[in-house]
C-alpha cells in the first residue's frame, strides 16, 4: 500500500489519530484470521421486479426465486417449521413458509459438503480415512469406514449421500482442506459466494452445534447450483451403491449402501408425474426431520422442495407430498 506522506497540520492531531485508527481497523478486517462474520442481510426490492423477462436482472441470479411481499401460503398438513417449493428453471415460487428462518439442517448439510468436494476435489483421489473420522457418538449415522482405510473420493461422496455417513464427511473434509475446521471455513466462503447469507457451518456432516445453521432458501440455492452439475446428478442413478476399497490392514473389502430417502429406496410412492433426481434427508433431535429434493415434472421442468423441522418422519413425507402435488 502506498505510504501517505502528505503533511498533517499540528493544530489538528485528532484527525491524524482518527485516520491512523481507521487504517488499522481496515487492515485487521481484511486479514481473514478472525471469526466468521454474521451472515449479511439485504432487502429484496420486489416492487422493482416485473414479469417482463427483458427487465429482469442479468447474471447468475436472474432465474432465482424471489418471494413477493404479502403473499402467504396455506400451512402444510403436518406443520413443518419451514418449507419451500421453487422452480429451478424459472424461479417460480409455488410455496414459501419461513424460508429465511435460521434452523438446524442436520444431515442436509451434506449437500453443501458435496458441493464443495465436487468443486475442490478429484473423484479418483484415493483418500486415507483420518483418525478424526472415528465419531464416538451413539446413533451417529456412519458409512462404515475406519481410520487407515483407503477409499476413493467418489465412493466417500456416495457414503455421505446414501447412508448419510458422518465418518465419510469427515474423511472428505480432511482430504480437501486439511482439517474439519478449515473445511468449515471453506464451506462458509463457498456458500456465501452462492448467496447463502443465512447460513453458517461448523461441521461437514450436520452433527448438532448451536452455531451450525442454514435456511430453507439457502438449501434451495445449493440444490439449484447442483442441479446443473451432471456429475452430482449421476450419484442418484441407482438407489444403491457398492464401494470397493482397501482396509487399514491392506485387505480388499466392499460396502453396499442404500439411499436413506424413502422416495429413492422404494419405501414411499411419489405423487403422479414427478421424478426425484436427487435428495438428502437429515434428522437430529434439535433439527427434527428434514428433507431436500430436486425433482423433475412431466414437462421436464425441475423444482426444489425443502422441508425443515418436521415433527415426525411420516409427517416429513406427508408435507413433501403436499408440495409435490402443487407442481403444475
Protein backbone atom coordinates (compact mmCIF):
# COMPACT_ATOMS: atom_id res chain seq x y z
CA UNK A 1 0.00 0.00 0.00
CA UNK A 2 1.38 3.46 -0.92
CA UNK A 3 2.59 5.42 2.06
CA UNK A 4 0.82 8.73 2.73
CA UNK A 5 3.45 11.49 3.01
CA UNK A 6 1.01 14.41 3.00
CA UNK A 7 1.74 16.93 5.74
CA UNK A 8 -0.57 16.91 8.73
CA UNK A 9 -1.35 20.13 10.50
CA UNK A 10 -0.01 20.08 14.09
CA UNK A 11 -3.06 22.03 15.15
CA UNK A 12 -5.42 19.10 14.28
CA UNK A 13 -3.78 15.97 15.77
CA UNK A 14 -7.15 14.31 16.37
CA UNK A 15 -7.73 14.00 12.59
CA UNK A 16 -4.42 12.20 12.14
CA UNK A 17 -5.22 9.85 15.04
CA UNK A 18 -8.62 9.09 13.58
CA UNK A 19 -7.13 8.30 10.16
CA UNK A 20 -4.49 6.01 11.64
CA UNK A 21 -7.17 4.19 13.65
CA UNK A 22 -9.35 3.80 10.55
CA UNK A 23 -6.44 2.35 8.51
CA UNK A 24 -5.67 -0.10 11.34
CA UNK A 25 -9.27 -1.27 11.53
CA UNK A 26 -9.49 -1.75 7.75
CA UNK A 27 -6.28 -3.79 7.66
CA UNK A 28 -7.49 -6.02 10.50
CA UNK A 29 -10.81 -6.57 8.75
CA UNK A 30 -9.06 -7.94 5.69
CA UNK A 31 -6.62 -10.29 7.42
CA UNK A 32 -9.05 -13.23 7.47
CA UNK A 33 -7.88 -14.55 10.84
CA UNK A 34 -10.92 -13.58 12.87
CA UNK A 35 -14.19 -15.48 13.38
CA UNK A 36 -16.65 -15.94 10.53
CA UNK A 37 -18.84 -12.82 10.46
CA UNK A 38 -22.58 -12.91 10.92
CA UNK A 39 -24.38 -13.58 7.62
CA UNK A 40 -25.13 -10.48 5.59
CA UNK A 41 -28.75 -9.43 5.27
CA UNK A 42 -30.19 -7.36 2.50
CA UNK A 43 -33.54 -6.11 1.25
CA UNK A 44 -35.03 -7.50 -1.93
CA UNK A 45 -36.87 -4.75 -3.80
CA UNK A 46 -39.74 -6.84 -5.13
CA UNK A 47 -41.54 -3.67 -6.19
CA UNK A 48 -38.93 -3.22 -8.91
CA UNK A 49 -39.33 -6.67 -10.43
CA UNK A 50 -41.73 -7.11 -13.33
CA UNK A 51 -42.97 -10.15 -15.25
CA UNK A 52 -41.23 -8.85 -18.35
CA UNK A 53 -38.13 -11.02 -18.77
CA UNK A 54 -36.37 -8.19 -20.57
CA UNK A 55 -36.45 -6.17 -17.35
CA UNK A 56 -35.15 -8.95 -15.09
CA UNK A 57 -31.63 -8.62 -13.65
CA UNK A 58 -28.83 -10.12 -15.72
CA UNK A 59 -26.29 -12.62 -14.42
CA UNK A 60 -26.25 -15.81 -12.42
CA UNK A 61 -29.16 -14.77 -10.16
CA UNK A 62 -31.62 -13.82 -12.90
CA UNK A 63 -33.50 -17.15 -12.69
CA UNK A 64 -33.63 -17.42 -8.89
CA UNK A 65 -36.86 -17.48 -6.92
CA UNK A 66 -37.91 -14.14 -5.44
CA UNK A 67 -40.80 -14.15 -2.99
CA UNK A 68 -43.39 -11.39 -3.23
CA UNK A 69 -44.19 -9.33 -0.16
CA UNK A 70 -47.54 -10.04 1.42
CA UNK A 71 -48.08 -13.40 -0.32
CA UNK A 72 -48.83 -16.23 2.09
CA UNK A 73 -49.42 -19.94 1.57
CA UNK A 74 -51.63 -22.39 3.42
CA UNK A 75 -49.85 -24.40 6.11
CA UNK A 76 -48.78 -27.88 5.13
CA UNK A 77 -50.71 -30.82 6.64
CA UNK A 78 -48.00 -31.95 9.09
CA UNK A 79 -46.91 -28.41 10.00
CA UNK A 80 -43.17 -28.40 9.32
CA UNK A 81 -41.35 -25.34 10.64
CA UNK A 82 -40.10 -24.24 7.20
CA UNK A 83 -40.99 -25.35 3.69
CA UNK A 84 -40.37 -24.17 0.14
CA UNK A 85 -41.19 -25.26 -3.41
CA UNK A 86 -39.34 -23.29 -6.07
CA UNK A 87 -38.88 -23.71 -9.81
CA UNK A 88 -35.28 -24.24 -10.86
CA UNK A 89 -35.78 -23.16 -14.48
CA UNK A 90 -37.95 -20.10 -13.97
CA UNK A 91 -37.75 -19.19 -10.26
CA UNK A 92 -41.46 -19.86 -9.74
CA UNK A 93 -42.47 -19.59 -6.07
CA UNK A 94 -45.13 -22.26 -5.52
CA UNK A 95 -44.78 -22.40 -1.74
CA UNK A 96 -42.72 -20.44 0.79
CA UNK A 97 -43.05 -20.75 4.53
CA UNK A 98 -40.41 -19.35 6.90
CA UNK A 99 -37.94 -19.65 4.04
CA UNK A 100 -35.28 -17.44 5.63
CA UNK A 101 -35.61 -18.62 9.23
CA UNK A 102 -32.29 -19.96 10.52
CA UNK A 103 -32.74 -23.59 11.50
CA UNK A 104 -30.56 -26.64 12.11
CA UNK A 105 -30.20 -28.70 8.91
CA UNK A 106 -28.87 -31.98 10.37
CA UNK A 107 -27.54 -34.18 7.54
CA UNK A 108 -28.98 -31.99 4.79
CA UNK A 109 -25.65 -30.23 5.46
CA UNK A 110 -24.08 -32.94 3.31
CA UNK A 111 -25.42 -31.30 0.16
CA UNK A 112 -23.21 -28.30 0.94
CA UNK A 113 -20.28 -30.61 1.72
CA UNK A 114 -20.68 -32.45 -1.58
CA UNK A 115 -20.89 -29.15 -3.48
CA UNK A 116 -17.51 -28.11 -2.04
CA UNK A 117 -16.00 -31.57 -2.57
CA UNK A 118 -17.01 -31.63 -6.23
CA UNK A 119 -15.60 -28.15 -6.76
CA UNK A 120 -12.28 -28.64 -4.96
CA UNK A 121 -11.59 -32.38 -5.18
CA UNK A 122 -10.87 -35.04 -7.78
CA UNK A 123 -13.20 -38.04 -7.74
CA UNK A 124 -10.41 -40.53 -8.47
CA UNK A 125 -8.30 -39.38 -5.49
CA UNK A 126 -7.61 -42.23 -3.06
CA UNK A 127 -8.33 -40.91 0.43
CA UNK A 128 -6.84 -42.39 3.59
CA UNK A 129 -9.53 -42.16 6.26
CA UNK A 130 -8.17 -40.00 9.11
CA UNK A 131 -8.38 -40.62 12.82
CA UNK A 132 -10.91 -37.78 13.11
CA UNK A 133 -13.44 -39.96 11.27
CA UNK A 134 -13.83 -42.06 14.41
CA UNK A 135 -17.00 -40.47 15.85
CA UNK A 136 -17.87 -41.75 19.34
CA UNK A 137 -21.48 -40.54 19.32
CA UNK A 138 -24.28 -43.05 19.92
CA UNK A 139 -26.64 -43.50 16.95
CA UNK A 140 -24.42 -41.40 14.68
CA UNK A 141 -25.13 -42.39 11.08
CA UNK A 142 -21.98 -43.93 9.60
CA UNK A 143 -20.98 -45.43 6.29
CA UNK A 144 -18.62 -47.92 7.94
CA UNK A 145 -15.09 -46.74 7.15
CA UNK A 146 -12.35 -46.65 9.77
CA UNK A 147 -9.07 -44.78 10.21
CA UNK A 148 -6.45 -46.10 7.82
CA UNK A 149 -8.94 -47.40 5.26
CA UNK A 150 -8.32 -46.19 1.70
CA UNK A 151 -11.30 -45.27 -0.48
CA UNK A 152 -11.79 -43.00 -3.49
CA UNK A 153 -13.31 -39.58 -3.02
CA UNK A 154 -16.12 -40.65 -5.32
CA UNK A 155 -17.07 -43.55 -3.04
CA UNK A 156 -16.81 -41.35 0.04
CA UNK A 157 -19.31 -38.97 -1.56
CA UNK A 158 -21.64 -41.93 -2.04
CA UNK A 159 -21.01 -42.76 1.62
CA UNK A 160 -22.05 -39.24 2.59
CA UNK A 161 -25.16 -39.12 0.38
CA UNK A 162 -26.60 -42.64 0.66
CA UNK A 163 -26.18 -43.94 4.26
CA UNK A 164 -25.56 -40.34 5.39
CA UNK A 165 -22.16 -41.28 6.77
CA UNK A 166 -20.77 -38.77 9.22
CA UNK A 167 -17.45 -40.59 9.02
CA UNK A 168 -17.35 -40.19 5.23
CA UNK A 169 -17.90 -36.43 5.55
CA UNK A 170 -15.01 -36.03 7.98
CA UNK A 171 -12.73 -38.00 5.64
CA UNK A 172 -13.79 -35.74 2.76
CA UNK A 173 -13.23 -32.60 4.81
CA UNK A 174 -9.73 -33.52 5.99
CA UNK A 175 -8.74 -34.63 2.48
CA UNK A 176 -9.97 -31.41 0.83
CA UNK A 177 -8.91 -28.82 3.40
CA UNK A 178 -6.54 -30.49 5.88
CA UNK A 179 -8.90 -30.31 8.85
CA UNK A 180 -12.58 -30.13 9.72
CA UNK A 181 -12.19 -26.53 10.84
CA UNK A 182 -10.50 -25.46 7.61
CA UNK A 183 -13.18 -27.24 5.57
CA UNK A 184 -15.93 -25.46 7.51
CA UNK A 185 -14.25 -22.13 6.69
CA UNK A 186 -14.16 -23.18 3.03
CA UNK A 187 -17.85 -24.13 3.17
CA UNK A 188 -18.74 -20.73 4.58
CA UNK A 189 -16.79 -18.91 1.87
CA UNK A 190 -18.26 -21.01 -0.93
CA UNK A 191 -21.82 -20.76 0.36
CA UNK A 192 -21.64 -17.01 0.84
CA UNK A 193 -20.38 -16.79 -2.75
CA UNK A 194 -23.55 -18.65 -3.81
CA UNK A 195 -25.65 -16.12 -1.91
CA UNK A 196 -26.35 -18.30 1.13
CA UNK A 197 -26.31 -15.36 3.52
CA UNK A 198 -28.44 -17.07 6.18
CA UNK A 199 -26.01 -19.94 6.76
CA UNK A 200 -23.04 -20.69 9.00
CA UNK A 201 -21.33 -24.08 9.03
CA UNK A 202 -19.19 -25.69 11.71
CA UNK A 203 -19.16 -29.34 10.62
CA UNK A 204 -19.21 -31.15 7.27
CA UNK A 205 -21.90 -33.59 8.43
CA UNK A 206 -24.50 -31.62 10.38
CA UNK A 207 -23.91 -33.15 13.80
CA UNK A 208 -25.53 -30.64 16.12
CA UNK A 209 -23.76 -27.43 17.01
CA UNK A 210 -25.65 -24.27 18.00
CA UNK A 211 -23.51 -22.22 15.58
CA UNK A 212 -24.28 -24.53 12.65
CA UNK A 213 -27.43 -23.45 10.82
CA UNK A 214 -28.94 -22.63 7.46
CA UNK A 215 -32.29 -21.71 5.89
CA UNK A 216 -34.69 -23.40 3.51
CA UNK A 217 -33.86 -20.72 0.94
CA UNK A 218 -30.12 -21.38 1.20
CA UNK A 219 -30.68 -25.11 0.73
CA UNK A 220 -32.61 -24.24 -2.41
CA UNK A 221 -29.65 -22.17 -3.61
CA UNK A 222 -27.17 -25.03 -3.29
CA UNK A 223 -29.54 -27.52 -4.91
CA UNK A 224 -30.18 -25.03 -7.69
CA UNK A 225 -26.43 -24.96 -8.32
CA UNK A 226 -26.08 -28.75 -8.07
CA UNK A 227 -28.99 -29.24 -10.49
CA UNK A 228 -26.67 -28.03 -13.26
CA UNK A 229 -23.90 -30.50 -12.33
CA UNK A 230 -24.25 -33.77 -14.25
CA UNK A 231 -21.62 -35.39 -12.04
CA UNK A 232 -23.72 -34.70 -8.95
CA UNK A 233 -26.90 -35.97 -10.61
CA UNK A 234 -25.15 -39.19 -11.64
CA UNK A 235 -24.79 -40.19 -7.98
CA UNK A 236 -28.55 -40.83 -7.93
CA UNK A 237 -28.77 -43.10 -10.96
CA UNK A 238 -29.36 -46.07 -8.65
CA UNK A 239 -30.80 -46.34 -5.11
CA UNK A 240 -27.85 -48.49 -4.01
CA UNK A 241 -24.09 -48.29 -4.41
CA UNK A 242 -21.27 -50.73 -3.67
CA UNK A 243 -17.92 -49.21 -2.74
CA UNK A 244 -14.75 -51.29 -3.06
CA UNK A 245 -11.78 -50.18 -1.01
CA UNK A 246 -8.71 -51.30 0.93
CA UNK A 247 -8.80 -51.62 4.70
CA UNK A 248 -6.12 -50.34 7.04
CA UNK A 249 -4.80 -53.93 7.14
CA UNK A 250 -4.36 -53.99 3.36
CA UNK A 251 -7.34 -56.26 2.72
CA UNK A 252 -9.77 -55.75 -0.15
CA UNK A 253 -13.29 -55.00 1.12
CA UNK A 254 -16.63 -53.67 -0.03
CA UNK A 255 -19.60 -51.84 1.46
CA UNK A 256 -23.09 -51.62 -0.07
CA UNK A 257 -25.26 -48.65 0.82
CA UNK A 258 -28.91 -47.81 0.17
CA UNK A 259 -30.16 -44.24 -0.12
CA UNK A 260 -31.96 -43.09 3.03
CA UNK A 261 -34.60 -41.13 1.07
CA UNK A 262 -37.81 -43.16 1.04
CA UNK A 263 -38.73 -41.87 -2.40
CA UNK A 264 -35.48 -43.29 -3.80
CA UNK A 265 -35.31 -46.58 -1.89
CA UNK A 266 -38.90 -47.60 -2.69
CA UNK A 267 -40.40 -47.16 0.77
CA UNK A 268 -42.60 -44.25 -0.27
CA UNK A 269 -44.57 -43.79 -3.50
CA UNK A 270 -44.26 -40.45 -5.26
CA UNK A 271 -47.21 -38.35 -6.40
CA UNK A 272 -48.01 -38.94 -10.06
CA UNK A 273 -45.92 -37.18 -12.69
CA UNK A 274 -42.90 -36.44 -10.50
CA UNK A 275 -39.41 -37.98 -10.56
CA UNK A 276 -36.82 -37.43 -7.84
CA UNK A 277 -33.43 -36.62 -9.34
CA UNK A 278 -31.57 -36.04 -6.04
CA UNK A 279 -32.45 -35.95 -2.37
CA UNK A 280 -30.93 -35.69 1.09
CA UNK A 281 -32.50 -36.48 4.41
CA UNK A 282 -31.46 -35.23 7.84
CA UNK A 283 -32.52 -35.96 11.39
CA UNK A 284 -31.35 -34.86 14.83
CA UNK A 285 -33.37 -34.05 17.93
CA UNK A 286 -32.81 -30.26 17.65
CA UNK A 287 -33.30 -30.23 13.86
CA UNK A 288 -36.30 -32.53 13.71
CA UNK A 289 -36.91 -34.33 10.41
CA UNK A 290 -35.57 -32.64 7.28
CA UNK A 291 -35.62 -33.42 3.56
CA UNK A 292 -34.46 -31.59 0.45
CA UNK A 293 -35.28 -32.89 -3.02
CA UNK A 294 -34.58 -31.97 -6.61
CA UNK A 295 -37.42 -33.25 -8.78
CA UNK A 296 -38.50 -33.11 -12.40
CA UNK A 297 -42.08 -32.87 -13.66
CA UNK A 298 -43.67 -34.45 -16.73
CA UNK A 299 -42.77 -31.44 -18.87
CA UNK A 300 -39.10 -31.73 -17.88
CA UNK A 301 -39.04 -28.68 -15.62
CA UNK A 302 -37.12 -29.03 -12.37
CA UNK A 303 -38.17 -27.99 -8.89
CA UNK A 304 -36.65 -27.93 -5.41
CA UNK A 305 -38.55 -28.85 -2.27
CA UNK A 306 -37.18 -28.25 1.22
CA UNK A 307 -38.78 -29.29 4.50
CA UNK A 308 -37.10 -28.35 7.79
CA UNK A 309 -38.07 -29.37 11.30
CA UNK A 310 -40.98 -31.68 10.64
CA UNK A 311 -42.28 -33.38 13.78
CA UNK A 312 -42.08 -36.96 12.53
CA UNK A 313 -40.69 -38.98 9.64
CA UNK A 314 -44.17 -39.70 8.28
CA UNK A 315 -45.05 -36.04 8.63
CA UNK A 316 -41.89 -35.13 6.72
CA UNK A 317 -43.03 -37.11 3.70
CA UNK A 318 -46.66 -36.01 4.07
CA UNK A 319 -45.56 -32.39 3.82
CA UNK A 320 -43.25 -33.13 0.90
CA UNK A 321 -46.08 -34.95 -0.88
CA UNK A 322 -48.26 -31.88 -0.40
CA UNK A 323 -45.57 -29.72 -2.02
CA UNK A 324 -45.04 -32.08 -4.93
CA UNK A 325 -48.77 -32.11 -5.69
CA UNK A 326 -48.60 -28.33 -6.24
CA UNK A 327 -46.29 -28.76 -9.22
CA UNK A 328 -48.24 -27.93 -12.40
